[in-house]
């Protein structure tokens, strides 16, 4: 089953939020190696979010049909 457009966009938004948090946290790290590692992680999260958004562009919008019994 493929994910709906809305679901993919929600996932992308969550990844971008994690990326922002990782970038903020990296600024507080004392060691340069820790800052670089967190910055790389933030970049990977952004790339994943971009891929999800690309997939969302081709995904179907979720349609809820009215109930036949209601």
Protein backbone atom coordinates (compact mmCIF):
# COMPACT_ATOMS: atom_id res chain seq x y z
CA UNK A 1 0.00 0.00 0.00
CA UNK A 2 1.37 3.39 -0.91
CA UNK A 3 1.30 6.32 1.48
CA UNK A 4 -1.04 9.23 0.87
CA UNK A 5 0.24 12.64 -0.10
CA UNK A 6 -0.79 14.04 3.29
CA UNK A 7 1.06 11.28 5.15
CA UNK A 8 4.26 11.83 3.16
CA UNK A 9 4.14 15.57 3.75
CA UNK A 10 3.59 15.06 7.49
CA UNK A 11 6.61 12.76 7.61
CA UNK A 12 8.71 15.30 5.70
CA UNK A 13 7.63 18.04 8.11
CA UNK A 14 8.62 15.89 11.09
CA UNK A 15 12.04 15.21 9.56
CA UNK A 16 12.61 18.90 8.93
CA UNK A 17 11.71 19.60 12.57
CA UNK A 18 14.26 17.01 13.71
CA UNK A 19 16.83 18.58 11.41
CA UNK A 20 16.26 22.01 12.94
CA UNK A 21 16.62 20.55 16.43
CA UNK A 22 19.85 18.77 15.49
CA UNK A 23 21.29 22.00 14.08
CA UNK A 24 20.41 23.91 17.25
CA UNK A 25 21.90 21.16 19.40
CA UNK A 26 25.09 21.07 17.34
CA UNK A 27 25.71 24.72 18.22
CA UNK A 28 25.89 23.74 21.88
CA UNK A 29 28.41 20.92 21.43
CA UNK A 30 31.89 21.49 22.83
CA UNK A 31 33.76 19.19 20.49
CA UNK A 32 34.09 20.05 16.81
CA UNK A 33 33.68 16.38 15.90
CA UNK A 34 30.31 16.29 17.68
CA UNK A 35 29.19 19.47 15.90
CA UNK A 36 30.15 18.01 12.52
CA UNK A 37 28.41 14.71 13.26
CA UNK A 38 25.17 16.43 14.26
CA UNK A 39 25.36 18.78 11.28
CA UNK A 40 25.78 15.78 8.95
CA UNK A 41 22.81 14.12 10.60
CA UNK A 42 20.75 17.29 10.09
CA UNK A 43 21.71 17.32 6.39
CA UNK A 44 20.69 13.67 6.02
CA UNK A 45 17.33 14.42 7.63
CA UNK A 46 16.81 17.32 5.20
CA UNK A 47 17.67 15.07 2.25
CA UNK A 48 15.19 12.45 3.45
CA UNK A 49 12.53 15.13 3.83
CA UNK A 50 13.19 16.33 0.29
CA UNK A 51 12.81 12.78 -1.06
CA UNK A 52 9.51 12.40 0.78
CA UNK A 53 8.28 15.68 -0.69
CA UNK A 54 9.22 14.50 -4.16
CA UNK A 55 7.30 11.27 -3.55
CA UNK A 56 4.35 13.28 -2.27
CA UNK A 57 4.25 15.26 -5.50
CA UNK A 58 3.42 12.02 -7.32
CA UNK A 59 1.20 10.51 -4.63
CA UNK A 60 -2.56 10.50 -4.59
CA UNK A 61 -4.50 12.71 -2.26
CA UNK A 62 -6.44 10.68 0.28
CA UNK A 63 -10.14 10.66 -0.58
CA UNK A 64 -12.68 9.64 2.02
CA UNK A 65 -15.85 8.34 0.48
CA UNK A 66 -19.15 8.85 2.30
CA UNK A 67 -20.51 5.79 3.99
CA UNK A 68 -23.21 3.92 2.11
CA UNK A 69 -24.78 2.91 5.42
CA UNK A 70 -24.92 6.31 7.12
